[in-house]
């Protein structure tokens, strides 16, 4: 059975790189050695493997990689620190203008009887 891995590297500039591979050890060595000069990590070495998750299906791994690449730094750090339960909290919009955060006593659909 094939195994696929979504991984996160912490780069020397403290940024994160998220990728997917079927050979985690080999891919890490390539990142660390600068094997691909055009890659994001090449000028940000050394890199440190800070997270990986294993999948049986490549489609699942690619879907999770795509999702994680779109996450904020705080969400990535939550899974790096094994705080998966924090993802929901970090997904909640905290802007005052967001509909969940507007004063619930006001209903714009109510007629103005003044």
PDB file of N, CA and C in Angstrom:
ATOM      1  N   UNK A   1       0.840  -1.176   0.000  1.00  0.00           N
ATOM      2  CA  UNK A   1       0.000   0.000   0.000  1.00  0.00           C
ATOM      3  C   UNK A   1       0.889   1.245   0.000  1.00  0.00           C
ATOM      4  N   UNK A   2       0.542   2.195  -0.853  1.00  0.00           N
ATOM      5  CA  UNK A   2       1.288   3.440  -0.914  1.00  0.00           C
ATOM      6  C   UNK A   2       0.940   4.344   0.261  1.00  0.00           C
ATOM      7  N   UNK A   3       1.905   5.151   0.648  1.00  0.00           N
ATOM      8  CA  UNK A   3       1.716   6.152   1.693  1.00  0.00           C
ATOM      9  C   UNK A   3       2.067   7.501   1.093  1.00  0.00           C
ATOM     10  N   UNK A   4       1.303   8.496   1.457  1.00  0.00           N
ATOM     11  CA  UNK A   4       1.545   9.857   1.007  1.00  0.00           C
ATOM     12  C   UNK A   4       1.586  10.744   2.241  1.00  0.00           C
ATOM     13  N   UNK A   5       2.386  11.781   2.166  1.00  0.00           N
ATOM     14  CA  UNK A   5       2.601  12.636   3.323  1.00  0.00           C
ATOM     15  C   UNK A   5       2.401  14.098   2.957  1.00  0.00           C
ATOM     16  N   UNK A   6       1.669  14.785   3.795  1.00  0.00           N
ATOM     17  CA  UNK A   6       1.633  16.241   3.742  1.00  0.00           C
ATOM     18  C   UNK A   6       2.551  16.689   4.858  1.00  0.00           C
ATOM     19  N   UNK A   7       3.434  17.609   4.538  1.00  0.00           N
ATOM     20  CA  UNK A   7       4.434  18.015   5.515  1.00  0.00           C
ATOM     21  C   UNK A   7       4.562  19.526   5.558  1.00  0.00           C
ATOM     22  N   UNK A   8       5.036  20.020   6.692  1.00  0.00           N
ATOM     23  CA  UNK A   8       5.317  21.441   6.846  1.00  0.00           C
ATOM     24  C   UNK A   8       6.761  21.578   7.303  1.00  0.00           C
ATOM     25  N   UNK A   9       7.481  22.436   6.594  1.00  0.00           N
ATOM     26  CA  UNK A   9       8.858  22.753   6.956  1.00  0.00           C
ATOM     27  C   UNK A   9       8.892  24.164   7.529  1.00  0.00           C
ATOM     28  N   UNK A  10       9.686  24.352   8.549  1.00  0.00           N
ATOM     29  CA  UNK A  10       9.945  25.695   9.058  1.00  0.00           C
ATOM     30  C   UNK A  10      11.282  26.122   8.463  1.00  0.00           C
ATOM     31  N   UNK A  11      11.270  27.239   7.765  1.00  0.00           N
ATOM     32  CA  UNK A  11      12.460  27.724   7.077  1.00  0.00           C
ATOM     33  C   UNK A  11      13.284  28.620   7.994  1.00  0.00           C
ATOM     34  N   UNK A  12      14.507  28.905   7.578  1.00  0.00           N
ATOM     35  CA  UNK A  12      15.419  29.717   8.391  1.00  0.00           C
ATOM     36  C   UNK A  12      14.898  31.132   8.609  1.00  0.00           C
ATOM     37  N   UNK A  13      14.003  31.620   7.747  1.00  0.00           N
ATOM     38  CA  UNK A  13      13.415  32.952   7.927  1.00  0.00           C
ATOM     39  C   UNK A  13      12.106  32.891   8.728  1.00  0.00           C
ATOM     40  N   UNK A  14      11.842  31.719   9.337  1.00  0.00           N
ATOM     41  CA  UNK A  14      10.641  31.453  10.156  1.00  0.00           C
ATOM     42  C   UNK A  14       9.353  31.359   9.352  1.00  0.00           C
ATOM     43  N   UNK A  15       9.438  31.302   8.041  1.00  0.00           N
ATOM     44  CA  UNK A  15       8.245  31.061   7.239  1.00  0.00           C
ATOM     45  C   UNK A  15       8.006  29.550   7.189  1.00  0.00           C
ATOM     46  N   UNK A  16       6.817  29.179   6.719  1.00  0.00           N
ATOM     47  CA  UNK A  16       6.464  27.767   6.600  1.00  0.00           C
ATOM     48  C   UNK A  16       6.280  27.396   5.136  1.00  0.00           C
ATOM     49  N   UNK A  17       6.703  26.189   4.813  1.00  0.00           N
ATOM     50  CA  UNK A  17       6.494  25.624   3.479  1.00  0.00           C
ATOM     51  C   UNK A  17       5.686  24.351   3.657  1.00  0.00           C
ATOM     52  N   UNK A  18       4.620  24.203   2.891  1.00  0.00           N
ATOM     53  CA  UNK A  18       3.768  23.017   2.955  1.00  0.00           C
ATOM     54  C   UNK A  18       3.881  22.265   1.636  1.00  0.00           C
ATOM     55  N   UNK A  19       4.058  20.951   1.718  1.00  0.00           N
ATOM     56  CA  UNK A  19       4.188  20.142   0.509  1.00  0.00           C
ATOM     57  C   UNK A  19       3.587  18.764   0.683  1.00  0.00           C
ATOM     58  N   UNK A  20       3.609  17.993  -0.395  1.00  0.00           N
ATOM     59  CA  UNK A  20       3.097  16.624  -0.386  1.00  0.00           C
ATOM     60  C   UNK A  20       4.115  15.737  -1.106  1.00  0.00           C
ATOM     61  N   UNK A  21       4.276  14.509  -0.617  1.00  0.00           N
ATOM     62  CA  UNK A  21       5.237  13.577  -1.204  1.00  0.00           C
ATOM     63  C   UNK A  21       4.860  12.137  -0.856  1.00  0.00           C
ATOM     64  N   UNK A  22       5.453  11.216  -1.593  1.00  0.00           N
ATOM     65  CA  UNK A  22       5.297   9.794  -1.253  1.00  0.00           C
ATOM     66  C   UNK A  22       6.561   9.271  -0.566  1.00  0.00           C
ATOM     67  N   UNK A  23       7.597  10.096  -0.498  1.00  0.00           N
ATOM     68  CA  UNK A  23       8.851   9.705   0.150  1.00  0.00           C
ATOM     69  C   UNK A  23       9.346  10.874   0.990  1.00  0.00           C
ATOM     70  N   UNK A  24       8.918  10.918   2.222  1.00  0.00           N
ATOM     71  CA  UNK A  24       9.178  12.051   3.105  1.00  0.00           C
ATOM     72  C   UNK A  24      10.671  12.264   3.350  1.00  0.00           C
ATOM     73  N   UNK A  25      11.389  11.194   3.619  1.00  0.00           N
ATOM     74  CA  UNK A  25      12.819  11.319   3.910  1.00  0.00           C
ATOM     75  C   UNK A  25      13.588  11.892   2.713  1.00  0.00           C
ATOM     76  N   UNK A  26      13.329  11.336   1.545  1.00  0.00           N
ATOM     77  CA  UNK A  26      14.009  11.803   0.334  1.00  0.00           C
ATOM     78  C   UNK A  26      13.663  13.256   0.030  1.00  0.00           C
ATOM     79  N   UNK A  27      12.388  13.611   0.170  1.00  0.00           N
ATOM     80  CA  UNK A  27      11.974  14.981  -0.124  1.00  0.00           C
ATOM     81  C   UNK A  27      12.619  15.957   0.850  1.00  0.00           C
ATOM     82  N   UNK A  28      12.687  15.586   2.137  1.00  0.00           N
ATOM     83  CA  UNK A  28      13.323  16.455   3.123  1.00  0.00           C
ATOM     84  C   UNK A  28      14.805  16.676   2.773  1.00  0.00           C
ATOM     85  N   UNK A  29      15.483  15.617   2.406  1.00  0.00           N
ATOM     86  CA  UNK A  29      16.902  15.722   2.038  1.00  0.00           C
ATOM     87  C   UNK A  29      17.072  16.668   0.843  1.00  0.00           C
ATOM     88  N   UNK A  30      16.161  16.574  -0.124  1.00  0.00           N
ATOM     89  CA  UNK A  30      16.240  17.452  -1.293  1.00  0.00           C
ATOM     90  C   UNK A  30      16.021  18.913  -0.900  1.00  0.00           C
ATOM     91  N   UNK A  31      15.066  19.167  -0.011  1.00  0.00           N
ATOM     92  CA  UNK A  31      14.854  20.541   0.463  1.00  0.00           C
ATOM     93  C   UNK A  31      16.105  21.037   1.186  1.00  0.00           C
ATOM     94  N   UNK A  32      16.628  20.215   2.072  1.00  0.00           N
ATOM     95  CA  UNK A  32      17.758  20.612   2.908  1.00  0.00           C
ATOM     96  C   UNK A  32      19.028  20.843   2.085  1.00  0.00           C
ATOM     97  N   UNK A  33      19.210  20.062   1.039  1.00  0.00           N
ATOM     98  CA  UNK A  33      20.438  20.161   0.230  1.00  0.00           C
ATOM     99  C   UNK A  33      20.353  21.246  -0.835  1.00  0.00           C
ATOM    100  N   UNK A  34      19.165  21.789  -1.064  1.00  0.00           N
ATOM    101  CA  UNK A  34      19.007  22.794  -2.118  1.00  0.00           C
ATOM    102  C   UNK A  34      18.955  22.182  -3.496  1.00  0.00           C
ATOM    103  N   UNK A  35      18.477  20.958  -3.592  1.00  0.00           N
ATOM    104  CA  UNK A  35      18.423  20.200  -4.844  1.00  0.00           C
ATOM    105  C   UNK A  35      17.715  20.965  -5.966  1.00  0.00           C
ATOM    106  N   UNK A  36      16.669  21.706  -5.625  1.00  0.00           N
ATOM    107  CA  UNK A  36      15.905  22.461  -6.614  1.00  0.00           C
ATOM    108  C   UNK A  36      16.142  23.957  -6.389  1.00  0.00           C
ATOM    109  N   UNK A  37      17.059  24.568  -7.133  1.00  0.00           N
ATOM    110  CA  UNK A  37      17.406  25.979  -6.922  1.00  0.00           C
ATOM    111  C   UNK A  37      16.230  26.945  -7.078  1.00  0.00           C
ATOM    112  N   UNK A  38      15.208  26.562  -7.828  1.00  0.00           N
ATOM    113  CA  UNK A  38      14.055  27.444  -8.053  1.00  0.00           C
ATOM    114  C   UNK A  38      12.981  27.315  -6.967  1.00  0.00           C
ATOM    115  N   UNK A  39      13.168  26.401  -6.032  1.00  0.00           N
ATOM    116  CA  UNK A  39      12.136  26.144  -5.023  1.00  0.00           C
ATOM    117  C   UNK A  39      12.100  27.221  -3.938  1.00  0.00           C
ATOM    118  N   UNK A  40      10.967  27.328  -3.281  1.00  0.00           N
ATOM    119  CA  UNK A  40      10.751  28.298  -2.207  1.00  0.00           C
ATOM    120  C   UNK A  40      11.785  28.150  -1.104  1.00  0.00           C
ATOM    121  N   UNK A  41      12.128  26.928  -0.778  1.00  0.00           N
ATOM    122  CA  UNK A  41      13.008  26.674   0.365  1.00  0.00           C
ATOM    123  C   UNK A  41      14.496  26.868   0.064  1.00  0.00           C
ATOM    124  N   UNK A  42      14.859  26.938  -1.205  1.00  0.00           N
ATOM    125  CA  UNK A  42      16.279  26.969  -1.561  1.00  0.00           C
ATOM    126  C   UNK A  42      17.063  28.069  -0.831  1.00  0.00           C
ATOM    127  N   UNK A  43      16.574  29.274  -0.841  1.00  0.00           N
ATOM    128  CA  UNK A  43      17.265  30.393  -0.181  1.00  0.00           C
ATOM    129  C   UNK A  43      16.830  30.582   1.263  1.00  0.00           C
ATOM    130  N   UNK A  44      16.082  29.636   1.797  1.00  0.00           N
ATOM    131  CA  UNK A  44      15.585  29.731   3.169  1.00  0.00           C
ATOM    132  C   UNK A  44      16.086  28.562   4.022  1.00  0.00           C
ATOM    133  N   UNK A  45      17.190  27.961   3.585  1.00  0.00           N
ATOM    134  CA  UNK A  45      17.779  26.850   4.313  1.00  0.00           C
ATOM    135  C   UNK A  45      18.642  27.369   5.449  1.00  0.00           C
ATOM    136  N   UNK A  46      18.816  26.581   6.495  1.00  0.00           N
ATOM    137  CA  UNK A  46      18.319  25.207   6.658  1.00  0.00           C
ATOM    138  C   UNK A  46      16.824  25.199   6.983  1.00  0.00           C
ATOM    139  N   UNK A  47      16.202  24.077   6.680  1.00  0.00           N
ATOM    140  CA  UNK A  47      14.793  23.880   6.991  1.00  0.00           C
ATOM    141  C   UNK A  47      14.662  22.806   8.068  1.00  0.00           C
ATOM    142  N   UNK A  48      13.540  22.854   8.744  1.00  0.00           N
ATOM    143  CA  UNK A  48      13.273  21.886   9.819  1.00  0.00           C
ATOM    144  C   UNK A  48      11.900  21.273   9.580  1.00  0.00           C
ATOM    145  N   UNK A  49      11.807  19.959   9.600  1.00  0.00           N
ATOM    146  CA  UNK A  49      10.514  19.286   9.474  1.00  0.00           C
ATOM    147  C   UNK A  49       9.780  19.449  10.795  1.00  0.00           C
ATOM    148  N   UNK A  50       8.641  20.153  10.777  1.00  0.00           N
ATOM    149  CA  UNK A  50       7.919  20.415  12.016  1.00  0.00           C
ATOM    150  C   UNK A  50       6.568  19.704  12.082  1.00  0.00           C
ATOM    151  N   UNK A  51       6.121  19.137  10.951  1.00  0.00           N
ATOM    152  CA  UNK A  51       4.822  18.452  10.937  1.00  0.00           C
ATOM    153  C   UNK A  51       4.751  17.549   9.720  1.00  0.00           C
ATOM    154  N   UNK A  52       4.103  16.409   9.906  1.00  0.00           N
ATOM    155  CA  UNK A  52       3.695  15.600   8.758  1.00  0.00           C
ATOM    156  C   UNK A  52       2.476  14.781   9.142  1.00  0.00           C
ATOM    157  N   UNK A  53       1.694  14.461   8.136  1.00  0.00           N
ATOM    158  CA  UNK A  53       0.477  13.674   8.305  1.00  0.00           C
ATOM    159  C   UNK A  53       0.450  12.657   7.170  1.00  0.00           C
ATOM    160  N   UNK A  54       0.095  11.429   7.487  1.00  0.00           N
ATOM    161  CA  UNK A  54       0.138  10.325   6.526  1.00  0.00           C
ATOM    162  C   UNK A  54      -1.252  10.051   5.951  1.00  0.00           C
ATOM    163  N   UNK A  55      -1.278   9.743   4.650  1.00  0.00           N
ATOM    164  CA  UNK A  55      -2.524   9.426   3.944  1.00  0.00           C
ATOM    165  C   UNK A  55      -2.325   8.167   3.108  1.00  0.00           C
ATOM    166  N   UNK A  56      -3.403   7.432   2.900  1.00  0.00           N
ATOM    167  CA  UNK A  56      -3.373   6.244   2.047  1.00  0.00           C
ATOM    168  C   UNK A  56      -3.692   6.564   0.593  1.00  0.00           C
ATOM    169  N   UNK A  57      -4.417   7.654   0.374  1.00  0.00           N
ATOM    170  CA  UNK A  57      -4.842   8.036  -0.976  1.00  0.00           C
ATOM    171  C   UNK A  57      -4.213   9.365  -1.365  1.00  0.00           C
ATOM    172  N   UNK A  58      -3.633   9.438  -2.538  1.00  0.00           N
ATOM    173  CA  UNK A  58      -2.990  10.663  -3.001  1.00  0.00           C
ATOM    174  C   UNK A  58      -3.995  11.811  -3.102  1.00  0.00           C
ATOM    175  N   UNK A  59      -5.224  11.516  -3.497  1.00  0.00           N
ATOM    176  CA  UNK A  59      -6.237  12.562  -3.622  1.00  0.00           C
ATOM    177  C   UNK A  59      -6.508  13.234  -2.276  1.00  0.00           C
ATOM    178  N   UNK A  60      -6.542  12.421  -1.205  1.00  0.00           N
ATOM    179  CA  UNK A  60      -6.753  12.978   0.132  1.00  0.00           C
ATOM    180  C   UNK A  60      -5.566  13.841   0.548  1.00  0.00           C
ATOM    181  N   UNK A  61      -4.371  13.383   0.258  1.00  0.00           N
ATOM    182  CA  UNK A  61      -3.168  14.128   0.615  1.00  0.00           C
ATOM    183  C   UNK A  61      -3.126  15.462  -0.125  1.00  0.00           C
ATOM    184  N   UNK A  62      -3.418  15.445  -1.406  1.00  0.00           N
ATOM    185  CA  UNK A  62      -3.400  16.683  -2.193  1.00  0.00           C
ATOM    186  C   UNK A  62      -4.468  17.654  -1.693  1.00  0.00           C
ATOM    187  N   UNK A  63      -5.644  17.135  -1.366  1.00  0.00           N
ATOM    188  CA  UNK A  63      -6.721  17.997  -0.858  1.00  0.00           C
ATOM    189  C   UNK A  63      -6.317  18.649   0.466  1.00  0.00           C
ATOM    190  N   UNK A  64      -5.698  17.872   1.360  1.00  0.00           N
ATOM    191  CA  UNK A  64      -5.276  18.427   2.643  1.00  0.00           C
ATOM    192  C   UNK A  64      -4.132  19.429   2.454  1.00  0.00           C
ATOM    193  N   UNK A  65      -3.199  19.116   1.571  1.00  0.00           N
ATOM    194  CA  UNK A  65      -2.096  20.056   1.294  1.00  0.00           C
ATOM    195  C   UNK A  65      -2.649  21.386   0.796  1.00  0.00           C
ATOM    196  N   UNK A  66      -3.583  21.327  -0.141  1.00  0.00           N
ATOM    197  CA  UNK A  66      -4.178  22.545  -0.703  1.00  0.00           C
ATOM    198  C   UNK A  66      -4.879  23.352   0.394  1.00  0.00           C
ATOM    199  N   UNK A  67      -5.600  22.648   1.262  1.00  0.00           N
ATOM    200  CA  UNK A  67      -6.296  23.314   2.359  1.00  0.00           C
ATOM    201  C   UNK A  67      -5.294  23.973   3.309  1.00  0.00           C
ATOM    202  N   UNK A  68      -4.281  23.233   3.711  1.00  0.00           N
ATOM    203  CA  UNK A  68      -3.296  23.743   4.670  1.00  0.00           C
ATOM    204  C   UNK A  68      -2.499  24.906   4.089  1.00  0.00           C
ATOM    205  N   UNK A  69      -2.216  24.884   2.793  1.00  0.00           N
ATOM    206  CA  UNK A  69      -1.483  25.985   2.169  1.00  0.00           C
ATOM    207  C   UNK A  69      -2.254  27.293   2.283  1.00  0.00           C
ATOM    208  N   UNK A  70      -3.571  27.208   2.330  1.00  0.00           N
ATOM    209  CA  UNK A  70      -4.399  28.412   2.445  1.00  0.00           C
ATOM    210  C   UNK A  70      -4.600  28.892   3.871  1.00  0.00           C
ATOM    211  N   UNK A  71      -4.126  28.132   4.824  1.00  0.00           N
ATOM    212  CA  UNK A  71      -4.325  28.486   6.227  1.00  0.00           C
ATOM    213  C   UNK A  71      -3.400  29.607   6.676  1.00  0.00           C
ATOM    214  N   UNK A  72      -3.842  30.274   7.717  1.00  0.00           N
ATOM    215  CA  UNK A  72      -3.013  31.299   8.345  1.00  0.00           C
ATOM    216  C   UNK A  72      -1.851  30.625   9.073  1.00  0.00           C
ATOM    217  N   UNK A  73      -0.877  31.434   9.418  1.00  0.00           N
ATOM    218  CA  UNK A  73       0.266  30.954  10.199  1.00  0.00           C
ATOM    219  C   UNK A  73      -0.214  30.349  11.520  1.00  0.00           C
ATOM    220  N   UNK A  74      -1.182  30.983  12.167  1.00  0.00           N
ATOM    221  CA  UNK A  74      -1.680  30.495  13.457  1.00  0.00           C
ATOM    222  C   UNK A  74      -2.335  29.125  13.335  1.00  0.00           C
ATOM    223  N   UNK A  75      -3.058  28.883  12.253  1.00  0.00           N
ATOM    224  CA  UNK A  75      -3.671  27.573  12.049  1.00  0.00           C
ATOM    225  C   UNK A  75      -2.605  26.510  11.804  1.00  0.00           C
ATOM    226  N   UNK A  76      -1.581  26.851  11.013  1.00  0.00           N
ATOM    227  CA  UNK A  76      -0.494  25.896  10.784  1.00  0.00           C
ATOM    228  C   UNK A  76       0.209  25.584  12.098  1.00  0.00           C
ATOM    229  N   UNK A  77       0.436  26.602  12.908  1.00  0.00           N
ATOM    230  CA  UNK A  77       1.101  26.375  14.195  1.00  0.00           C
ATOM    231  C   UNK A  77       0.232  25.551  15.137  1.00  0.00           C
ATOM    232  N   UNK A  78      -1.080  25.662  15.017  1.00  0.00           N
ATOM    233  CA  UNK A  78      -1.974  24.841  15.841  1.00  0.00           C
ATOM    234  C   UNK A  78      -1.771  23.359  15.542  1.00  0.00           C
ATOM    235  N   UNK A  79      -1.699  22.985  14.261  1.00  0.00           N
ATOM    236  CA  UNK A  79      -1.516  21.556  13.967  1.00  0.00           C
ATOM    237  C   UNK A  79      -0.082  21.125  14.235  1.00  0.00           C
ATOM    238  N   UNK A  80       0.870  22.025  14.038  1.00  0.00           N
ATOM    239  CA  UNK A  80       2.271  21.699  14.367  1.00  0.00           C
ATOM    240  C   UNK A  80       2.370  21.345  15.847  1.00  0.00           C
ATOM    241  N   UNK A  81       1.616  22.068  16.673  1.00  0.00           N
ATOM    242  CA  UNK A  81       1.622  21.842  18.120  1.00  0.00           C
ATOM    243  C   UNK A  81       0.563  20.837  18.563  1.00  0.00           C
ATOM    244  N   UNK A  82      -0.025  20.112  17.598  1.00  0.00           N
ATOM    245  CA  UNK A  82      -1.029  19.084  17.855  1.00  0.00           C
ATOM    246  C   UNK A  82      -2.253  19.635  18.596  1.00  0.00           C
ATOM    247  N   UNK A  83      -2.641  20.867  18.247  1.00  0.00           N
ATOM    248  CA  UNK A  83      -3.835  21.500  18.817  1.00  0.00           C
ATOM    249  C   UNK A  83      -4.933  21.568  17.756  1.00  0.00           C
ATOM    250  N   UNK A  84      -5.316  20.414  17.247  1.00  0.00           N
ATOM    251  CA  UNK A  84      -6.316  20.347  16.178  1.00  0.00           C
ATOM    252  C   UNK A  84      -7.634  20.993  16.588  1.00  0.00           C
ATOM    253  N   UNK A  85      -7.978  20.902  17.879  1.00  0.00           N
ATOM    254  CA  UNK A  85      -9.243  21.462  18.352  1.00  0.00           C
ATOM    255  C   UNK A  85      -9.270  22.988  18.230  1.00  0.00           C
ATOM    256  N   UNK A  86      -8.129  23.624  18.116  1.00  0.00           N
ATOM    257  CA  UNK A  86      -8.040  25.078  18.010  1.00  0.00           C
ATOM    258  C   UNK A  86      -8.385  25.578  16.607  1.00  0.00           C
ATOM    259  N   UNK A  87      -8.420  24.692  15.617  1.00  0.00           N
ATOM    260  CA  UNK A  87      -8.681  25.103  14.239  1.00  0.00           C
ATOM    261  C   UNK A  87     -10.031  25.792  14.091  1.00  0.00           C
ATOM    262  N   UNK A  88     -11.045  25.279  14.755  1.00  0.00           N
ATOM    263  CA  UNK A  88     -12.385  25.874  14.636  1.00  0.00           C
ATOM    264  C   UNK A  88     -12.373  27.298  15.180  1.00  0.00           C
ATOM    265  N   UNK A  89     -11.761  27.485  16.330  1.00  0.00           N
ATOM    266  CA  UNK A  89     -11.675  28.825  16.926  1.00  0.00           C
ATOM    267  C   UNK A  89     -10.927  29.782  16.002  1.00  0.00           C
ATOM    268  N   UNK A  90      -9.843  29.323  15.413  1.00  0.00           N
ATOM    269  CA  UNK A  90      -9.042  30.166  14.533  1.00  0.00           C
ATOM    270  C   UNK A  90      -9.735  30.439  13.197  1.00  0.00           C
ATOM    271  N   UNK A  91     -10.783  29.679  12.896  1.00  0.00           N
ATOM    272  CA  UNK A  91     -11.525  29.872  11.651  1.00  0.00           C
ATOM    273  C   UNK A  91     -12.651  30.886  11.802  1.00  0.00           C
ATOM    274  N   UNK A  92     -12.950  31.274  13.031  1.00  0.00           N
ATOM    275  CA  UNK A  92     -14.041  32.195  13.296  1.00  0.00           C
ATOM    276  C   UNK A  92     -13.589  33.625  13.037  1.00  0.00           C
ATOM    277  N   UNK A  93     -14.357  34.336  12.246  1.00  0.00           N
ATOM    278  CA  UNK A  93     -14.039  35.722  11.932  1.00  0.00           C
ATOM    279  C   UNK A  93     -14.231  36.583  13.180  1.00  0.00           C
ATOM    280  N   UNK A  94     -13.235  37.404  13.480  1.00  0.00           N
ATOM    281  CA  UNK A  94     -13.276  38.248  14.674  1.00  0.00           C
ATOM    282  C   UNK A  94     -13.524  39.725  14.337  1.00  0.00           C
ATOM    283  N   UNK A  95     -13.698  40.052  13.050  1.00  0.00           N
ATOM    284  CA  UNK A  95     -13.940  41.443  12.654  1.00  0.00           C
ATOM    285  C   UNK A  95     -15.254  41.942  13.228  1.00  0.00           C
ATOM    286  N   UNK A  96     -15.254  43.188  13.712  1.00  0.00           N
ATOM    287  CA  UNK A  96     -16.477  43.764  14.272  1.00  0.00           C
ATOM    288  C   UNK A  96     -17.591  43.819  13.243  1.00  0.00           C
ATOM    289  N   UNK A  97     -17.243  43.975  11.982  1.00  0.00           N
ATOM    290  CA  UNK A  97     -18.246  44.104  10.937  1.00  0.00           C
ATOM    291  C   UNK A  97     -18.831  42.765  10.486  1.00  0.00           C
ATOM    292  N   UNK A  98     -18.259  41.653  10.941  1.00  0.00           N
ATOM    293  CA  UNK A  98     -18.781  40.336  10.554  1.00  0.00           C
ATOM    294  C   UNK A  98     -20.169  40.152  11.145  1.00  0.00           C
ATOM    295  N   UNK A  99     -21.055  39.499  10.404  1.00  0.00           N
ATOM    296  CA  UNK A  99     -22.457  39.366  10.833  1.00  0.00           C
ATOM    297  C   UNK A  99     -22.612  38.670  12.179  1.00  0.00           C
ATOM    298  N   UNK A 100     -21.690  37.788  12.533  1.00  0.00           N
ATOM    299  CA  UNK A 100     -21.783  37.110  13.824  1.00  0.00           C
ATOM    300  C   UNK A 100     -21.421  38.033  14.982  1.00  0.00           C
ATOM    301  N   UNK A 101     -20.794  39.167  14.692  1.00  0.00           N
ATOM    302  CA  UNK A 101     -20.306  40.043  15.738  1.00  0.00           C
ATOM    303  C   UNK A 101     -21.061  41.368  15.828  1.00  0.00           C
ATOM    304  N   UNK A 102     -22.091  41.539  15.022  1.00  0.00           N
ATOM    305  CA  UNK A 102     -22.898  42.758  15.059  1.00  0.00           C
ATOM    306  C   UNK A 102     -23.934  42.616  16.162  1.00  0.00           C
ATOM    307  N   UNK A 103     -24.265  43.721  16.793  1.00  0.00           N
ATOM    308  CA  UNK A 103     -25.250  43.751  17.881  1.00  0.00           C
ATOM    309  C   UNK A 103     -26.502  42.989  17.456  1.00  0.00           C
ATOM    310  N   UNK A 104     -26.829  41.957  18.204  1.00  0.00           N
ATOM    311  CA  UNK A 104     -27.964  41.088  17.858  1.00  0.00           C
ATOM    312  C   UNK A 104     -29.308  41.775  18.086  1.00  0.00           C
ATOM    313  N   UNK A 105     -29.340  42.896  18.798  1.00  0.00           N
ATOM    314  CA  UNK A 105     -30.597  43.596  19.074  1.00  0.00           C
ATOM    315  C   UNK A 105     -31.110  44.372  17.879  1.00  0.00           C
ATOM    316  N   UNK A 106     -30.314  44.571  16.880  1.00  0.00           N
ATOM    317  CA  UNK A 106     -30.695  45.343  15.711  1.00  0.00           C
ATOM    318  C   UNK A 106     -31.097  44.402  14.593  1.00  0.00           C
ATOM    319  N   UNK A 107     -32.238  44.638  14.020  1.00  0.00           N
ATOM    320  CA  UNK A 107     -32.693  43.826  12.891  1.00  0.00           C
ATOM    321  C   UNK A 107     -33.089  44.761  11.769  1.00  0.00           C
ATOM    322  N   UNK A 108     -32.300  44.814  10.734  1.00  0.00           N
ATOM    323  CA  UNK A 108     -32.547  45.755   9.635  1.00  0.00           C
ATOM    324  C   UNK A 108     -33.851  45.475   8.896  1.00  0.00           C
ATOM    325  N   UNK A 109     -34.441  44.304   9.103  1.00  0.00           N
ATOM    326  CA  UNK A 109     -35.696  43.970   8.426  1.00  0.00           C
ATOM    327  C   UNK A 109     -36.903  44.548   9.167  1.00  0.00           C
ATOM    328  N   UNK A 110     -36.695  45.108  10.337  1.00  0.00           N
ATOM    329  CA  UNK A 110     -37.792  45.694  11.116  1.00  0.00           C
ATOM    330  C   UNK A 110     -38.147  47.074  10.552  1.00  0.00           C
ATOM    331  N   UNK A 111     -39.433  47.388  10.465  1.00  0.00           N
ATOM    332  CA  UNK A 111     -39.812  48.712   9.951  1.00  0.00           C
ATOM    333  C   UNK A 111     -39.421  49.798  10.956  1.00  0.00           C
ATOM    334  N   UNK A 112     -39.122  50.974  10.430  1.00  0.00           N
ATOM    335  CA  UNK A 112     -38.799  52.127  11.269  1.00  0.00           C
ATOM    336  C   UNK A 112     -40.097  52.839  11.600  1.00  0.00           C
ATOM    337  N   UNK A 113     -40.549  52.734  12.854  1.00  0.00           N
ATOM    338  CA  UNK A 113     -41.822  53.307  13.264  1.00  0.00           C
ATOM    339  C   UNK A 113     -41.659  54.648  13.949  1.00  0.00           C
ATOM    340  N   UNK A 114     -40.615  55.406  13.655  1.00  0.00           N
ATOM    341  CA  UNK A 114     -40.424  56.676  14.348  1.00  0.00           C
ATOM    342  C   UNK A 114     -41.162  57.804  13.721  1.00  0.00           C
TER     343      UNK A 114
END
